[in-house]
Amino acid sequence: MRVLVTGASGFAGSLLIPRLRRDGHQLRAFVRDPARLRIPIAWHVETVRGDVISGAGLTEALEEIEVAYYLIHSMDGAAGRDFPEQERLAAVNFAAAARAAGVKRIVYLGGPLPRGGAESASRHLASRLAVESILLQAVPDSVALRASIVIGAGSRSFRFLVRLIERMPVLTLPAWQRYRTQPIDARDVTDMLAAAAHVPAVAGRALDIGGPEVLSYGTIIERIAELMLVGRPAIALPLSATPIAARVAAAIASEDPELVLPLMESLGSDLLPADDHAPELLGVRLHSFDAAVEHALAEWEAVEPLRAR
């Protein structure tokens, strides 16, 4: 199959490309900065430079493509727009170009619905749902996978949690620490993305994907600390204090507060899959949470030491 991977230099794209190559697909990568793309020349992956917000390069990138992966997310405002407007504009441009090019399926990696439905979604999750709707309406056989926390060495949410654990001698957890989700191994996400390109049963569907364990955010942090072999007492705060907590946490973890705040705004309720059909439909066997964290930490330490260890 002729496949386009957008966001090819990002976390999900960099994991997906070697998997798709192993499956024998003809690959093309769409990136803003080809210098950030780490793909061996011997892999023969064509590269197209462009930008979904301006639309530059999309026609060339989508020519003769059968399946296009849309792995582009943005939470950084630009040109006077906030991130939901950027994401909407990018999705509209990509959807129109994909439809015009005759793309058969778009595969999108988005975010989950809170228990209260779309009306209770944060800006971050509402934006993901808006992008999902735009893409699925443009190409009816498209597939959206909705993931909460992805556990992987390159996942910004996972890295953010690890940095907090490393740098805080006492973990002060706001009220959202009691809410639950199902973190999923990056390897399982990659397998599901790869399968979503060709499995007929998922055409036109949005699938919630999660790991096998339901965990509170507080438990997730405590379990990661245990697997890092560090002792970190935890104190639960009575209030969420999200804007203040987000900026403090971002400073501690050396992360952009404009990224952390939208993420923490999404933690005001449980974020659980509506059902557990996705692994069976896509033929994926899930890794446990502990296995996911241990694998991610091992990959991280292979290239960068963890200060806490």
C-alpha atoms as a PDB file:
ATOM      1  CA  MET A   1       0.000   0.000   0.000  1.00  0.00           C
ATOM      2  CA  ARG A   2       1.108   3.587  -0.654  1.00  0.00           C
ATOM      3  CA  VAL A   3       1.074   5.306   2.745  1.00  0.00           C
ATOM      4  CA  LEU A   4       1.666   8.875   3.908  1.00  0.00           C
ATOM      5  CA  VAL A   5       2.740   9.579   7.492  1.00  0.00           C
ATOM      6  CA  THR A   6       2.292  13.159   8.657  1.00  0.00           C
ATOM      7  CA  GLY A   7       4.029  14.222  11.850  1.00  0.00           C
ATOM      8  CA  ALA A   8       6.705  11.716  10.857  1.00  0.00           C
ATOM      9  CA  SER A   9       9.371  13.245  13.115  1.00  0.00           C
ATOM     10  CA  GLY A  10       7.100  13.224  16.174  1.00  0.00           C
ATOM     11  CA  PHE A  11       6.650  10.584  18.855  1.00  0.00           C
ATOM     12  CA  ALA A  12       3.940   8.451  17.208  1.00  0.00           C
ATOM     13  CA  GLY A  13       5.226   8.946  13.663  1.00  0.00           C
ATOM     14  CA  SER A  14       8.797   7.958  14.484  1.00  0.00           C
ATOM     15  CA  LEU A  15       7.539   4.684  15.980  1.00  0.00           C
ATOM     16  CA  LEU A  16       5.069   3.981  13.203  1.00  0.00           C
ATOM     17  CA  ILE A  17       7.373   4.370  10.193  1.00  0.00           C
ATOM     18  CA  PRO A  18       9.639   1.384  10.994  1.00  0.00           C
ATOM     19  CA  ARG A  19       6.573  -0.735  11.702  1.00  0.00           C
ATOM     20  CA  LEU A  20       4.925   0.178   8.380  1.00  0.00           C
ATOM     21  CA  ARG A  21       8.187  -0.467   6.543  1.00  0.00           C
ATOM     22  CA  ARG A  22       8.371  -3.903   8.153  1.00  0.00           C
ATOM     23  CA  ASP A  23       4.840  -4.546   6.860  1.00  0.00           C
ATOM     24  CA  GLY A  24       6.032  -3.822   3.315  1.00  0.00           C
ATOM     25  CA  HIS A  25       4.234  -0.537   2.583  1.00  0.00           C
ATOM     26  CA  GLN A  26       5.568   2.160   0.245  1.00  0.00           C
ATOM     27  CA  LEU A  27       6.131   5.115   2.552  1.00  0.00           C
ATOM     28  CA  ARG A  28       6.143   8.865   2.214  1.00  0.00           C
ATOM     29  CA  ALA A  29       6.808  11.229   5.134  1.00  0.00           C
ATOM     30  CA  PHE A  30       5.336  14.729   5.441  1.00  0.00           C
ATOM     31  CA  VAL A  31       7.297  17.061   7.726  1.00  0.00           C
ATOM     32  CA  ARG A  32       7.880  20.755   8.330  1.00  0.00           C
ATOM     33  CA  ASP A  33      11.599  20.253   8.931  1.00  0.00           C
ATOM     34  CA  PRO A  34      13.245  17.297   7.126  1.00  0.00           C
ATOM     35  CA  ALA A  35      16.383  17.782   9.233  1.00  0.00           C
ATOM     36  CA  ARG A  36      14.468  16.425  12.254  1.00  0.00           C
ATOM     37  CA  LEU A  37      13.566  13.211  10.459  1.00  0.00           C
ATOM     38  CA  ARG A  38      15.780  10.288  11.503  1.00  0.00           C
ATOM     39  CA  ILE A  39      15.196   7.706   8.782  1.00  0.00           C
ATOM     40  CA  PRO A  40      18.030   5.634   7.244  1.00  0.00           C
ATOM     41  CA  ILE A  41      18.524   6.321   3.536  1.00  0.00           C
ATOM     42  CA  ALA A  42      18.364   2.587   2.894  1.00  0.00           C
ATOM     43  CA  TRP A  43      14.701   2.575   3.926  1.00  0.00           C
ATOM     44  CA  HIS A  44      13.788   4.532   0.755  1.00  0.00           C
ATOM     45  CA  VAL A  45      11.181   6.704   2.479  1.00  0.00           C
ATOM     46  CA  GLU A  46      10.231   9.638   0.287  1.00  0.00           C
ATOM     47  CA  THR A  47      10.090  12.956   2.136  1.00  0.00           C
ATOM     48  CA  VAL A  48       7.866  15.940   1.350  1.00  0.00           C
ATOM     49  CA  ARG A  49       8.327  19.225   3.143  1.00  0.00           C
ATOM     50  CA  GLY A  50       5.231  21.234   3.941  1.00  0.00           C
ATOM     51  CA  ASP A  51       2.828  22.668   6.465  1.00  0.00           C
ATOM     52  CA  VAL A  52      -0.801  21.738   7.074  1.00  0.00           C
ATOM     53  CA  ILE A  53      -1.801  25.162   8.370  1.00  0.00           C
ATOM     54  CA  SER A  54      -0.689  26.964   5.208  1.00  0.00           C
ATOM     55  CA  GLY A  55      -1.462  23.935   3.016  1.00  0.00           C
ATOM     56  CA  ALA A  56       2.011  24.011   1.482  1.00  0.00           C
ATOM     57  CA  GLY A  57       3.141  20.656   0.110  1.00  0.00           C
ATOM     58  CA  LEU A  58      -0.131  18.800   0.697  1.00  0.00           C
ATOM     59  CA  THR A  59      -0.948  18.169  -2.960  1.00  0.00           C
ATOM     60  CA  GLU A  60       2.484  16.675  -3.592  1.00  0.00           C
ATOM     61  CA  ALA A  61       2.440  14.677  -0.374  1.00  0.00           C
ATOM     62  CA  LEU A  62      -0.965  13.079  -1.030  1.00  0.00           C
ATOM     63  CA  GLU A  63      -0.483  12.223  -4.695  1.00  0.00           C
ATOM     64  CA  GLU A  64      -1.341   8.529  -5.315  1.00  0.00           C
ATOM     65  CA  ILE A  65      -1.608   7.871  -1.558  1.00  0.00           C
ATOM     66  CA  GLU A  66      -4.065   5.189  -0.437  1.00  0.00           C
ATOM     67  CA  VAL A  67      -3.832   5.591   3.347  1.00  0.00           C
ATOM     68  CA  ALA A  68      -2.777   8.769   5.151  1.00  0.00           C
ATOM     69  CA  TYR A  69      -1.865   8.945   8.831  1.00  0.00           C
ATOM     70  CA  TYR A  70      -2.754  12.221  10.496  1.00  0.00           C
ATOM     71  CA  LEU A  71      -0.486  12.451  13.557  1.00  0.00           C
ATOM     72  CA  ILE A  72      -0.314  16.224  13.871  1.00  0.00           C
ATOM     73  CA  HIS A  73      -1.251  17.928  17.147  1.00  0.00           C
ATOM     74  CA  SER A  74      -0.625  21.488  18.217  1.00  0.00           C
ATOM     75  CA  MET A  75      -1.056  23.320  21.486  1.00  0.00           C
ATOM     76  CA  ASP A  76       1.132  26.302  20.661  1.00  0.00           C
ATOM     77  CA  GLY A  77      -0.639  29.434  19.482  1.00  0.00           C
ATOM     78  CA  ALA A  78       0.648  31.034  16.285  1.00  0.00           C
ATOM     79  CA  ALA A  79      -0.313  33.934  14.052  1.00  0.00           C
ATOM     80  CA  GLY A  80      -2.815  35.176  16.650  1.00  0.00           C
ATOM     81  CA  ARG A  81      -4.734  31.868  16.883  1.00  0.00           C
ATOM     82  CA  ASP A  82      -5.078  29.610  19.894  1.00  0.00           C
ATOM     83  CA  PHE A  83      -4.358  25.920  19.442  1.00  0.00           C
ATOM     84  CA  PRO A  84      -7.963  24.739  18.777  1.00  0.00           C
ATOM     85  CA  GLU A  85      -8.200  27.142  15.848  1.00  0.00           C
ATOM     86  CA  GLN A  86      -4.821  25.985  14.542  1.00  0.00           C
ATOM     87  CA  GLU A  87      -5.876  22.362  14.785  1.00  0.00           C
ATOM     88  CA  ARG A  88      -9.204  23.007  13.072  1.00  0.00           C
ATOM     89  CA  LEU A  89      -7.591  24.901  10.187  1.00  0.00           C
ATOM     90  CA  ALA A  90      -4.916  22.240   9.740  1.00  0.00           C
ATOM     91  CA  ALA A  91      -7.518  19.457   9.702  1.00  0.00           C
ATOM     92  CA  VAL A  92      -9.726  21.288   7.195  1.00  0.00           C
ATOM     93  CA  ASN A  93      -6.774  21.806   4.851  1.00  0.00           C
ATOM     94  CA  PHE A  94      -5.634  18.206   5.137  1.00  0.00           C
ATOM     95  CA  ALA A  95      -9.132  16.752   4.775  1.00  0.00           C
ATOM     96  CA  ALA A  96      -9.827  18.751   1.622  1.00  0.00           C
ATOM     97  CA  ALA A  97      -6.502  17.790   0.067  1.00  0.00           C
ATOM     98  CA  ALA A  98      -6.958  14.103   0.981  1.00  0.00           C
ATOM     99  CA  ARG A  99     -10.461  14.010  -0.506  1.00  0.00           C
ATOM    100  CA  ALA A 100      -9.273  15.715  -3.688  1.00  0.00           C
ATOM    101  CA  ALA A 101      -6.384  13.241  -3.991  1.00  0.00           C
ATOM    102  CA  GLY A 102      -8.698  10.240  -3.686  1.00  0.00           C
ATOM    103  CA  VAL A 103      -7.228   8.952  -0.414  1.00  0.00           C
ATOM    104  CA  LYS A 104      -9.145   5.849   0.681  1.00  0.00           C
ATOM    105  CA  ARG A 105      -8.569   6.113   4.432  1.00  0.00           C
ATOM    106  CA  ILE A 106      -7.212   8.581   6.960  1.00  0.00           C
ATOM    107  CA  VAL A 107      -6.020   7.186  10.288  1.00  0.00           C
ATOM    108  CA  TYR A 108      -6.043   9.711  13.132  1.00  0.00           C
ATOM    109  CA  LEU A 109      -4.684   9.426  16.672  1.00  0.00           C
ATOM    110  CA  GLY A 110      -6.782  11.614  18.941  1.00  0.00           C
ATOM    111  CA  GLY A 111      -8.049  11.820  22.505  1.00  0.00           C
ATOM    112  CA  PRO A 112     -10.881  10.224  24.491  1.00  0.00           C
ATOM    113  CA  LEU A 113     -14.312  11.517  25.448  1.00  0.00           C
ATOM    114  CA  PRO A 114     -14.878  12.253  29.140  1.00  0.00           C
ATOM    115  CA  ARG A 115     -17.764  10.477  30.838  1.00  0.00           C
ATOM    116  CA  GLY A 116     -19.908  13.596  30.486  1.00  0.00           C
ATOM    117  CA  GLY A 117     -19.595  13.534  26.694  1.00  0.00           C
ATOM    118  CA  ALA A 118     -18.393  16.201  24.292  1.00  0.00           C
ATOM    119  CA  GLU A 119     -20.151  18.967  26.243  1.00  0.00           C
ATOM    120  CA  SER A 120     -17.868  18.399  29.237  1.00  0.00           C
ATOM    121  CA  ALA A 121     -14.634  18.042  27.247  1.00  0.00           C
ATOM    122  CA  SER A 122     -11.702  20.350  27.957  1.00  0.00           C
ATOM    123  CA  ARG A 123     -10.315  22.618  25.222  1.00  0.00           C
ATOM    124  CA  HIS A 124      -7.648  20.020  24.519  1.00  0.00           C
ATOM    125  CA  LEU A 125     -10.056  17.089  24.124  1.00  0.00           C
ATOM    126  CA  ALA A 126     -12.739  19.154  22.358  1.00  0.00           C
ATOM    127  CA  SER A 127     -10.145  20.150  19.790  1.00  0.00           C
ATOM    128  CA  ARG A 128      -9.162  16.515  19.216  1.00  0.00           C
ATOM    129  CA  LEU A 129     -12.814  15.593  18.700  1.00  0.00           C
ATOM    130  CA  ALA A 130     -13.313  18.460  16.250  1.00  0.00           C
ATOM    131  CA  VAL A 131     -10.328  17.265  14.191  1.00  0.00           C
ATOM    132  CA  GLU A 132     -11.653  13.704  14.288  1.00  0.00           C
ATOM    133  CA  SER A 133     -15.034  14.844  12.950  1.00  0.00           C
ATOM    134  CA  ILE A 134     -13.485  16.851  10.119  1.00  0.00           C
ATOM    135  CA  LEU A 135     -11.311  13.961   8.952  1.00  0.00           C
ATOM    136  CA  LEU A 136     -13.983  11.250   9.178  1.00  0.00           C
ATOM    137  CA  GLN A 137     -16.512  13.363   7.311  1.00  0.00           C
ATOM    138  CA  ALA A 138     -14.044  14.073   4.500  1.00  0.00           C
ATOM    139  CA  VAL A 139     -13.073  10.437   3.871  1.00  0.00           C
ATOM    140  CA  PRO A 140     -15.863   8.114   5.109  1.00  0.00           C
ATOM    141  CA  ASP A 141     -13.710   4.960   5.522  1.00  0.00           C
ATOM    142  CA  SER A 142     -11.342   6.740   7.885  1.00  0.00           C
ATOM    143  CA  VAL A 143     -10.498   5.568  11.416  1.00  0.00           C
ATOM    144  CA  ALA A 144      -9.886   7.505  14.629  1.00  0.00           C
ATOM    145  CA  LEU A 145      -8.111   5.973  17.604  1.00  0.00           C
ATOM    146  CA  ARG A 146      -8.709   7.740  20.916  1.00  0.00           C
ATOM    147  CA  ALA A 147      -5.925   7.316  23.472  1.00  0.00           C
ATOM    148  CA  SER A 148      -5.399   8.852  26.892  1.00  0.00           C
ATOM    149  CA  ILE A 149      -1.878   8.597  28.376  1.00  0.00           C
ATOM    150  CA  VAL A 150       0.597   6.798  26.109  1.00  0.00           C
ATOM    151  CA  ILE A 151       3.531   5.213  27.937  1.00  0.00           C
ATOM    152  CA  GLY A 152       6.703   5.559  25.872  1.00  0.00           C
ATOM    153  CA  ALA A 153      10.189   7.016  26.105  1.00  0.00           C
ATOM    154  CA  GLY A 154       9.263   9.795  23.677  1.00  0.00           C
ATOM    155  CA  SER A 155       5.781  10.561  25.008  1.00  0.00           C
ATOM    156  CA  ARG A 156       5.681  14.115  26.370  1.00  0.00           C
ATOM    157  CA  SER A 157       3.020  13.258  28.941  1.00  0.00           C
ATOM    158  CA  PHE A 158       5.043  10.296  30.234  1.00  0.00           C
ATOM    159  CA  ARG A 159       8.281  12.281  30.231  1.00  0.00           C
ATOM    160  CA  PHE A 160       6.511  15.078  32.118  1.00  0.00           C
ATOM    161  CA  LEU A 161       5.445  12.656  34.869  1.00  0.00           C
ATOM    162  CA  VAL A 162       8.931  11.142  35.104  1.00  0.00           C
ATOM    163  CA  ARG A 163      10.535  14.580  35.409  1.00  0.00           C
ATOM    164  CA  LEU A 164       8.133  15.511  38.224  1.00  0.00           C
ATOM    165  CA  ILE A 165       8.982  12.315  40.083  1.00  0.00           C
ATOM    166  CA  GLU A 166      12.710  12.940  39.596  1.00  0.00           C
ATOM    167  CA  ARG A 167      12.636  16.519  40.813  1.00  0.00           C
ATOM    168  CA  MET A 168      10.005  16.577  43.593  1.00  0.00           C
ATOM    169  CA  PRO A 169      11.120  15.018  46.926  1.00  0.00           C
ATOM    170  CA  VAL A 170       7.441  15.048  47.966  1.00  0.00           C
ATOM    171  CA  LEU A 171       4.738  14.561  45.331  1.00  0.00           C
ATOM    172  CA  THR A 172       1.939  17.080  45.907  1.00  0.00           C
ATOM    173  CA  LEU A 173      -1.043  15.812  43.916  1.00  0.00           C
ATOM    174  CA  PRO A 174      -4.021  18.095  43.180  1.00  0.00           C
ATOM    175  CA  ALA A 175      -7.604  16.839  43.501  1.00  0.00           C
ATOM    176  CA  TRP A 176      -7.578  15.385  39.970  1.00  0.00           C
ATOM    177  CA  GLN A 177      -5.254  12.635  41.191  1.00  0.00           C
ATOM    178  CA  ARG A 178      -8.346  10.565  42.097  1.00  0.00           C
ATOM    179  CA  TYR A 179      -9.704  10.416  38.540  1.00  0.00           C
ATOM    180  CA  ARG A 180      -9.040   7.311  36.471  1.00  0.00           C
ATOM    181  CA  THR A 181      -7.801   6.417  33.017  1.00  0.00           C
ATOM    182  CA  GLN A 182      -6.266   3.457  31.157  1.00  0.00           C
ATOM    183  CA  PRO A 183      -2.690   4.289  30.105  1.00  0.00           C
ATOM    184  CA  ILE A 184      -1.509   2.316  27.095  1.00  0.00           C
ATOM    185  CA  ASP A 185       1.899   1.085  25.949  1.00  0.00           C
ATOM    186  CA  ALA A 186       3.311   2.964  22.949  1.00  0.00           C
ATOM    187  CA  ARG A 187       4.042  -0.413  21.329  1.00  0.00           C
ATOM    188  CA  ASP A 188       0.344  -1.273  21.462  1.00  0.00           C
ATOM    189  CA  VAL A 189      -0.627   2.103  20.011  1.00  0.00           C
ATOM    190  CA  THR A 190       1.827   1.551  17.153  1.00  0.00           C
ATOM    191  CA  ASP A 191       0.404  -1.909  16.453  1.00  0.00           C
ATOM    192  CA  MET A 192      -3.144  -0.544  16.451  1.00  0.00           C
ATOM    193  CA  LEU A 193      -2.232   2.323  14.136  1.00  0.00           C
ATOM    194  CA  ALA A 194      -0.591  -0.106  11.716  1.00  0.00           C
ATOM    195  CA  ALA A 195      -3.617  -2.435  11.729  1.00  0.00           C
ATOM    196  CA  ALA A 196      -6.069   0.452  11.329  1.00  0.00           C
ATOM    197  CA  ALA A 197      -4.741   1.054   7.806  1.00  0.00           C
ATOM    198  CA  HIS A 198      -6.236  -2.133   6.407  1.00  0.00           C
ATOM    199  CA  VAL A 199      -8.760  -3.802   8.756  1.00  0.00           C
ATOM    200  CA  PRO A 200     -12.190  -3.536   7.037  1.00  0.00           C
ATOM    201  CA  ALA A 201     -14.200  -3.838  10.272  1.00  0.00           C
ATOM    202  CA  VAL A 202     -12.998  -0.480  11.632  1.00  0.00           C
ATOM    203  CA  ALA A 203     -13.856   1.645   8.576  1.00  0.00           C
ATOM    204  CA  GLY A 204     -15.651   4.830   9.506  1.00  0.00           C
ATOM    205  CA  ARG A 205     -15.263   4.263  13.240  1.00  0.00           C
ATOM    206  CA  ALA A 206     -13.802   6.049  16.246  1.00  0.00           C
ATOM    207  CA  LEU A 207     -12.274   3.509  18.628  1.00  0.00           C
ATOM    208  CA  ASP A 208     -11.275   4.112  22.235  1.00  0.00           C
ATOM    209  CA  ILE A 209      -7.941   2.468  22.970  1.00  0.00           C
ATOM    210  CA  GLY A 210      -6.546   1.881  26.444  1.00  0.00           C
ATOM    211  CA  GLY A 211      -4.322  -0.456  28.359  1.00  0.00           C
ATOM    212  CA  PRO A 212      -5.623  -3.396  30.399  1.00  0.00           C
ATOM    213  CA  GLU A 213      -5.619  -1.608  33.788  1.00  0.00           C
ATOM    214  CA  VAL A 214      -7.878   1.137  35.156  1.00  0.00           C
ATOM    215  CA  LEU A 215      -5.686   3.402  37.294  1.00  0.00           C
ATOM    216  CA  SER A 216      -6.112   6.734  39.026  1.00  0.00           C
ATOM    217  CA  TYR A 217      -3.649   9.448  38.067  1.00  0.00           C
ATOM    218  CA  GLY A 218      -2.262   9.311  41.606  1.00  0.00           C
ATOM    219  CA  THR A 219      -1.676   5.578  41.302  1.00  0.00           C
ATOM    220  CA  ILE A 220      -0.026   6.044  37.904  1.00  0.00           C
ATOM    221  CA  ILE A 221       2.489   8.466  39.420  1.00  0.00           C
ATOM    222  CA  GLU A 222       3.122   6.217  42.435  1.00  0.00           C
ATOM    223  CA  ARG A 223       3.622   3.132  40.248  1.00  0.00           C
ATOM    224  CA  ILE A 224       6.054   4.958  37.953  1.00  0.00           C
ATOM    225  CA  ALA A 225       8.039   6.087  41.018  1.00  0.00           C
ATOM    226  CA  GLU A 226       8.155   2.491  42.298  1.00  0.00           C
ATOM    227  CA  LEU A 227       9.397   1.215  38.944  1.00  0.00           C
ATOM    228  CA  MET A 228      12.034   3.956  38.915  1.00  0.00           C
ATOM    229  CA  LEU A 229      13.154   2.580  42.297  1.00  0.00           C
ATOM    230  CA  VAL A 230      12.775   5.927  44.053  1.00  0.00           C
ATOM    231  CA  GLY A 231      10.845   6.693  47.211  1.00  0.00           C
ATOM    232  CA  ARG A 232       8.488   9.640  46.910  1.00  0.00           C
ATOM    233  CA  PRO A 233       5.885  10.310  49.618  1.00  0.00           C
ATOM    234  CA  ALA A 234       2.690  11.774  48.174  1.00  0.00           C
ATOM    235  CA  ILE A 235       0.373  14.429  49.594  1.00  0.00           C
ATOM    236  CA  ALA A 236      -3.110  14.883  48.124  1.00  0.00           C
ATOM    237  CA  LEU A 237      -4.267  18.489  47.898  1.00  0.00           C
ATOM    238  CA  PRO A 238      -7.971  19.224  48.514  1.00  0.00           C
ATOM    239  CA  LEU A 239      -8.329  21.551  45.512  1.00  0.00           C
ATOM    240  CA  SER A 240      -7.409  21.191  41.863  1.00  0.00           C
ATOM    241  CA  ALA A 241      -5.839  24.675  41.494  1.00  0.00           C
ATOM    242  CA  THR A 242      -5.178  23.733  37.862  1.00  0.00           C
ATOM    243  CA  PRO A 243      -3.774  27.037  36.452  1.00  0.00           C
ATOM    244  CA  ILE A 244      -1.355  27.473  39.359  1.00  0.00           C
ATOM    245  CA  ALA A 245      -0.475  23.788  39.625  1.00  0.00           C
ATOM    246  CA  ALA A 246       0.132  23.560  35.874  1.00  0.00           C
ATOM    247  CA  ARG A 247       2.605  26.427  35.855  1.00  0.00           C
ATOM    248  CA  VAL A 248       4.435  25.175  38.929  1.00  0.00           C
ATOM    249  CA  ALA A 249       4.609  21.647  37.525  1.00  0.00           C
ATOM    250  CA  ALA A 250       5.822  22.939  34.157  1.00  0.00           C
ATOM    251  CA  ALA A 251       8.601  24.897  35.834  1.00  0.00           C
ATOM    252  CA  ILE A 252       9.694  21.869  37.876  1.00  0.00           C
ATOM    253  CA  ALA A 253       9.693  19.585  34.822  1.00  0.00           C
ATOM    254  CA  SER A 254      11.270  22.200  32.495  1.00  0.00           C
ATOM    255  CA  GLU A 255       8.235  21.919  30.234  1.00  0.00           C
ATOM    256  CA  ASP A 256       6.238  24.540  28.321  1.00  0.00           C
ATOM    257  CA  PRO A 257       3.327  25.727  30.526  1.00  0.00           C
ATOM    258  CA  GLU A 258       1.254  26.283  27.376  1.00  0.00           C
ATOM    259  CA  LEU A 259       1.446  22.523  26.848  1.00  0.00           C
ATOM    260  CA  VAL A 260       0.959  21.484  30.476  1.00  0.00           C
ATOM    261  CA  LEU A 261      -2.085  23.671  31.206  1.00  0.00           C
ATOM    262  CA  PRO A 262      -4.339  22.212  28.451  1.00  0.00           C
ATOM    263  CA  LEU A 263      -3.280  18.704  29.472  1.00  0.00           C
ATOM    264  CA  MET A 264      -4.102  19.305  33.128  1.00  0.00           C
ATOM    265  CA  GLU A 265      -7.432  20.913  32.192  1.00  0.00           C
ATOM    266  CA  SER A 266      -8.368  17.495  30.764  1.00  0.00           C
ATOM    267  CA  LEU A 267      -7.933  15.763  34.127  1.00  0.00           C
ATOM    268  CA  GLY A 268     -11.225  16.888  35.670  1.00  0.00           C
ATOM    269  CA  SER A 269     -13.017  13.566  35.196  1.00  0.00           C
ATOM    270  CA  ASP A 270     -12.441   9.917  34.400  1.00  0.00           C
ATOM    271  CA  LEU A 271     -11.063   9.314  30.887  1.00  0.00           C
ATOM    272  CA  LEU A 272     -11.930   5.677  30.269  1.00  0.00           C
ATOM    273  CA  PRO A 273     -12.641   3.775  27.040  1.00  0.00           C
ATOM    274  CA  ALA A 274     -16.340   3.322  26.340  1.00  0.00           C
ATOM    275  CA  ASP A 275     -15.628  -0.330  25.500  1.00  0.00           C
ATOM    276  CA  ASP A 276     -12.712  -2.723  25.081  1.00  0.00           C
ATOM    277  CA  HIS A 277     -13.352  -3.896  21.496  1.00  0.00           C
ATOM    278  CA  ALA A 278     -10.365  -2.194  19.823  1.00  0.00           C
ATOM    279  CA  PRO A 279      -7.639  -4.757  20.685  1.00  0.00           C
ATOM    280  CA  GLU A 280      -9.764  -7.622  19.347  1.00  0.00           C
ATOM    281  CA  LEU A 281     -10.836  -5.754  16.214  1.00  0.00           C
ATOM    282  CA  LEU A 282      -7.256  -4.751  15.447  1.00  0.00           C
ATOM    283  CA  GLY A 283      -5.623  -8.006  16.531  1.00  0.00           C
ATOM    284  CA  VAL A 284      -3.413  -6.504  19.249  1.00  0.00           C
ATOM    285  CA  ARG A 285      -2.420  -8.136  22.550  1.00  0.00           C
ATOM    286  CA  LEU A 286      -1.956  -5.480  25.231  1.00  0.00           C
ATOM    287  CA  HIS A 287       1.082  -5.062  27.485  1.00  0.00           C
ATOM    288  CA  SER A 288       0.577  -4.498  31.208  1.00  0.00           C
ATOM    289  CA  PHE A 289       1.150  -1.049  32.729  1.00  0.00           C
ATOM    290  CA  ASP A 290       4.303  -2.171  34.549  1.00  0.00           C
ATOM    291  CA  ALA A 291       5.721  -3.734  31.374  1.00  0.00           C
ATOM    292  CA  ALA A 292       4.989  -0.521  29.478  1.00  0.00           C
ATOM    293  CA  VAL A 293       6.754   1.660  32.049  1.00  0.00           C
ATOM    294  CA  GLU A 294       9.755  -0.655  32.359  1.00  0.00           C
ATOM    295  CA  HIS A 295      10.193  -0.735  28.578  1.00  0.00           C
ATOM    296  CA  ALA A 296       9.861   3.049  28.295  1.00  0.00           C
ATOM    297  CA  LEU A 297      12.375   3.670  31.091  1.00  0.00           C
ATOM    298  CA  ALA A 298      14.850   1.228  29.531  1.00  0.00           C
ATOM    299  CA  GLU A 299      14.610   2.971  26.152  1.00  0.00           C
ATOM    300  CA  TRP A 300      14.981   6.367  27.843  1.00  0.00           C
ATOM    301  CA  GLU A 301      18.090   5.291  29.781  1.00  0.00           C
ATOM    302  CA  ALA A 302      19.665   3.853  26.645  1.00  0.00           C
ATOM    303  CA  VAL A 303      20.142   7.404  25.359  1.00  0.00           C
ATOM    304  CA  GLU A 304      19.820   9.633  28.437  1.00  0.00           C
ATOM    305  CA  PRO A 305      20.444   8.971  32.148  1.00  0.00           C
ATOM    306  CA  LEU A 306      17.602   9.361  34.620  1.00  0.00           C
ATOM    307  CA  ARG A 307      18.824  11.615  37.393  1.00  0.00           C
ATOM    308  CA  ALA A 308      16.700   9.913  40.049  1.00  0.00           C
ATOM    309  CA  ARG A 309      18.377   6.553  39.404  1.00  0.00           C
END
